[in-house]
Amino acid sequence: MPRVSVIDQMPKELRSQLDERLREAGYSNLMEHAEWLQAQGVNASKSAVGRYSVELKTKDRAATSIARGMREDLSDREAVDLLMELGALRVKEKRILDRLQEIGYF
């Protein structure tokens, strides 16, 4: 059985921050992100960040490809835009609910 990545074991909020940082950096500057994780108390190597970055980039490309396919398949662009916006809002809602649960609100 393969080892579970230290990044996969991080709290969701911290992993979301890493995702955002990687996307903003074009999935590069791996050493900078590894050092940032060290400052957050996570002992992640540059290699671990690199593997995670490749995984994230692959997932992001797949999501973009699906969204493009939907746009091409559907004639009503406004409906597709609204559905994509709704999906983004649901993701944000889930993150907010998770955070509220983490701080003991629920």
C-alpha atoms as a PDB file:
ATOM      1  CA  MET A   1       0.000   0.000   0.000  1.00  0.00           C
ATOM      2  CA  PRO A   2       1.464   3.417  -0.963  1.00  0.00           C
ATOM      3  CA  ARG A   3       2.346   5.930   1.733  1.00  0.00           C
ATOM      4  CA  VAL A   4      -0.084   8.750   2.369  1.00  0.00           C
ATOM      5  CA  SER A   5       1.440  12.094   1.425  1.00  0.00           C
ATOM      6  CA  VAL A   6       2.168  14.553   4.206  1.00  0.00           C
ATOM      7  CA  ILE A   7       0.277  17.121   2.126  1.00  0.00           C
ATOM      8  CA  ASP A   8      -2.808  14.898   1.953  1.00  0.00           C
ATOM      9  CA  GLN A   9      -2.706  14.683   5.760  1.00  0.00           C
ATOM     10  CA  MET A  10      -2.737  18.474   6.218  1.00  0.00           C
ATOM     11  CA  PRO A  11      -5.873  20.281   7.418  1.00  0.00           C
ATOM     12  CA  LYS A  12      -8.202  21.190   4.539  1.00  0.00           C
ATOM     13  CA  GLU A  13      -7.828  24.911   5.115  1.00  0.00           C
ATOM     14  CA  LEU A  14      -4.037  24.758   4.876  1.00  0.00           C
ATOM     15  CA  ARG A  15      -4.229  22.547   1.772  1.00  0.00           C
ATOM     16  CA  SER A  16      -6.647  25.051   0.192  1.00  0.00           C
ATOM     17  CA  GLN A  17      -4.142  27.827   0.872  1.00  0.00           C
ATOM     18  CA  LEU A  18      -1.397  25.738  -0.735  1.00  0.00           C
ATOM     19  CA  ASP A  19      -3.640  25.074  -3.754  1.00  0.00           C
ATOM     20  CA  GLU A  20      -4.221  28.797  -4.183  1.00  0.00           C
ATOM     21  CA  ARG A  21      -0.504  29.581  -3.833  1.00  0.00           C
ATOM     22  CA  LEU A  22       0.438  26.904  -6.386  1.00  0.00           C
ATOM     23  CA  ARG A  23      -2.141  28.126  -8.894  1.00  0.00           C
ATOM     24  CA  GLU A  24      -1.030  31.742  -8.503  1.00  0.00           C
ATOM     25  CA  ALA A  25       2.595  30.669  -9.078  1.00  0.00           C
ATOM     26  CA  GLY A  26       1.716  28.655 -12.177  1.00  0.00           C
ATOM     27  CA  TYR A  27       2.381  25.405 -10.287  1.00  0.00           C
ATOM     28  CA  SER A  28       6.051  26.367  -9.888  1.00  0.00           C
ATOM     29  CA  ASN A  29       8.346  27.844  -7.183  1.00  0.00           C
ATOM     30  CA  LEU A  30       8.202  24.511  -5.361  1.00  0.00           C
ATOM     31  CA  MET A  31      10.997  25.326  -2.913  1.00  0.00           C
ATOM     32  CA  GLU A  32       9.227  28.527  -1.892  1.00  0.00           C
ATOM     33  CA  HIS A  33       6.049  26.560  -1.165  1.00  0.00           C
ATOM     34  CA  ALA A  34       7.966  23.877   0.756  1.00  0.00           C
ATOM     35  CA  GLU A  35       9.547  26.607   2.894  1.00  0.00           C
ATOM     36  CA  TRP A  36       6.134  28.200   3.455  1.00  0.00           C
ATOM     37  CA  LEU A  37       4.781  24.826   4.598  1.00  0.00           C
ATOM     38  CA  GLN A  38       7.747  24.470   6.970  1.00  0.00           C
ATOM     39  CA  ALA A  39       6.789  27.850   8.454  1.00  0.00           C
ATOM     40  CA  GLN A  40       3.255  26.495   8.916  1.00  0.00           C
ATOM     41  CA  GLY A  41       4.648  23.508  10.832  1.00  0.00           C
ATOM     42  CA  VAL A  42       4.387  20.972   7.999  1.00  0.00           C
ATOM     43  CA  ASN A  43       7.532  18.998   7.171  1.00  0.00           C
ATOM     44  CA  ALA A  44       7.004  18.712   3.402  1.00  0.00           C
ATOM     45  CA  SER A  45       9.910  18.324   0.992  1.00  0.00           C
ATOM     46  CA  LYS A  46      10.258  20.055  -2.355  1.00  0.00           C
ATOM     47  CA  SER A  47       9.623  16.661  -3.977  1.00  0.00           C
ATOM     48  CA  ALA A  48       6.372  16.180  -2.052  1.00  0.00           C
ATOM     49  CA  VAL A  49       5.220  19.653  -3.080  1.00  0.00           C
ATOM     50  CA  GLY A  50       6.228  18.869  -6.666  1.00  0.00           C
ATOM     51  CA  ARG A  51       4.215  15.647  -6.763  1.00  0.00           C
ATOM     52  CA  TYR A  52       1.221  17.425  -5.260  1.00  0.00           C
ATOM     53  CA  SER A  53       1.597  20.315  -7.720  1.00  0.00           C
ATOM     54  CA  VAL A  54       1.509  17.914 -10.691  1.00  0.00           C
ATOM     55  CA  GLU A  55      -1.595  16.235  -9.231  1.00  0.00           C
ATOM     56  CA  LEU A  56      -3.334  19.578  -8.684  1.00  0.00           C
ATOM     57  CA  LYS A  57      -2.459  20.825 -12.171  1.00  0.00           C
ATOM     58  CA  THR A  58      -3.846  17.613 -13.688  1.00  0.00           C
ATOM     59  CA  LYS A  59      -7.102  17.974 -11.741  1.00  0.00           C
ATOM     60  CA  ASP A  60      -7.404  21.645 -12.677  1.00  0.00           C
ATOM     61  CA  ARG A  61      -6.845  20.889 -16.363  1.00  0.00           C
ATOM     62  CA  ALA A  62      -9.481  18.141 -16.257  1.00  0.00           C
ATOM     63  CA  ALA A  63     -11.997  20.510 -14.654  1.00  0.00           C
ATOM     64  CA  THR A  64     -11.228  23.182 -17.254  1.00  0.00           C
ATOM     65  CA  SER A  65     -11.595  20.651 -20.045  1.00  0.00           C
ATOM     66  CA  ILE A  66     -14.972  19.519 -18.727  1.00  0.00           C
ATOM     67  CA  ALA A  67     -16.144  23.115 -18.438  1.00  0.00           C
ATOM     68  CA  ARG A  68     -15.028  23.823 -22.014  1.00  0.00           C
ATOM     69  CA  GLY A  69     -16.809  20.708 -23.212  1.00  0.00           C
ATOM     70  CA  MET A  70     -19.990  21.840 -21.526  1.00  0.00           C
ATOM     71  CA  ARG A  71     -19.699  25.239 -23.178  1.00  0.00           C
ATOM     72  CA  GLU A  72     -19.247  23.656 -26.586  1.00  0.00           C
ATOM     73  CA  ASP A  73     -22.061  21.150 -26.096  1.00  0.00           C
ATOM     74  CA  LEU A  74     -24.650  23.576 -24.833  1.00  0.00           C
ATOM     75  CA  SER A  75     -26.006  26.326 -26.990  1.00  0.00           C
ATOM     76  CA  ASP A  76     -27.065  28.499 -24.070  1.00  0.00           C
ATOM     77  CA  ARG A  77     -23.820  30.021 -22.768  1.00  0.00           C
ATOM     78  CA  GLU A  78     -25.611  31.947 -20.058  1.00  0.00           C
ATOM     79  CA  ALA A  79     -26.954  28.716 -18.558  1.00  0.00           C
ATOM     80  CA  VAL A  80     -23.458  27.218 -18.537  1.00  0.00           C
ATOM     81  CA  ASP A  81     -22.018  30.342 -16.920  1.00  0.00           C
ATOM     82  CA  LEU A  82     -24.706  30.248 -14.254  1.00  0.00           C
ATOM     83  CA  LEU A  83     -24.115  26.546 -13.582  1.00  0.00           C
ATOM     84  CA  MET A  84     -20.375  27.142 -13.248  1.00  0.00           C
ATOM     85  CA  GLU A  85     -21.005  30.031 -10.879  1.00  0.00           C
ATOM     86  CA  LEU A  86     -23.377  27.864  -8.847  1.00  0.00           C
ATOM     87  CA  GLY A  87     -20.722  25.144  -8.629  1.00  0.00           C
ATOM     88  CA  ALA A  88     -18.154  27.661  -7.399  1.00  0.00           C
ATOM     89  CA  LEU A  89     -20.603  28.945  -4.794  1.00  0.00           C
ATOM     90  CA  ARG A  90     -21.274  25.419  -3.555  1.00  0.00           C
ATOM     91  CA  VAL A  91     -17.547  24.794  -3.173  1.00  0.00           C
ATOM     92  CA  LYS A  92     -17.232  28.037  -1.226  1.00  0.00           C
ATOM     93  CA  GLU A  93     -20.257  27.112   0.909  1.00  0.00           C
ATOM     94  CA  LYS A  94     -18.652  23.748   1.743  1.00  0.00           C
ATOM     95  CA  ARG A  95     -15.400  25.434   2.758  1.00  0.00           C
ATOM     96  CA  ILE A  96     -17.285  27.881   4.984  1.00  0.00           C
ATOM     97  CA  LEU A  97     -19.303  25.096   6.607  1.00  0.00           C
ATOM     98  CA  ASP A  98     -16.142  23.038   7.158  1.00  0.00           C
ATOM     99  CA  ARG A  99     -14.434  26.017   8.768  1.00  0.00           C
ATOM    100  CA  LEU A 100     -17.432  26.725  10.994  1.00  0.00           C
ATOM    101  CA  GLN A 101     -17.360  23.107  12.106  1.00  0.00           C
ATOM    102  CA  GLU A 102     -13.601  23.310  12.769  1.00  0.00           C
ATOM    103  CA  ILE A 103     -14.055  26.299  15.070  1.00  0.00           C
ATOM    104  CA  GLY A 104     -16.873  24.540  16.907  1.00  0.00           C
ATOM    105  CA  TYR A 105     -19.786  26.619  15.672  1.00  0.00           C
ATOM    106  CA  PHE A 106     -21.830  23.503  14.887  1.00  0.00           C
END
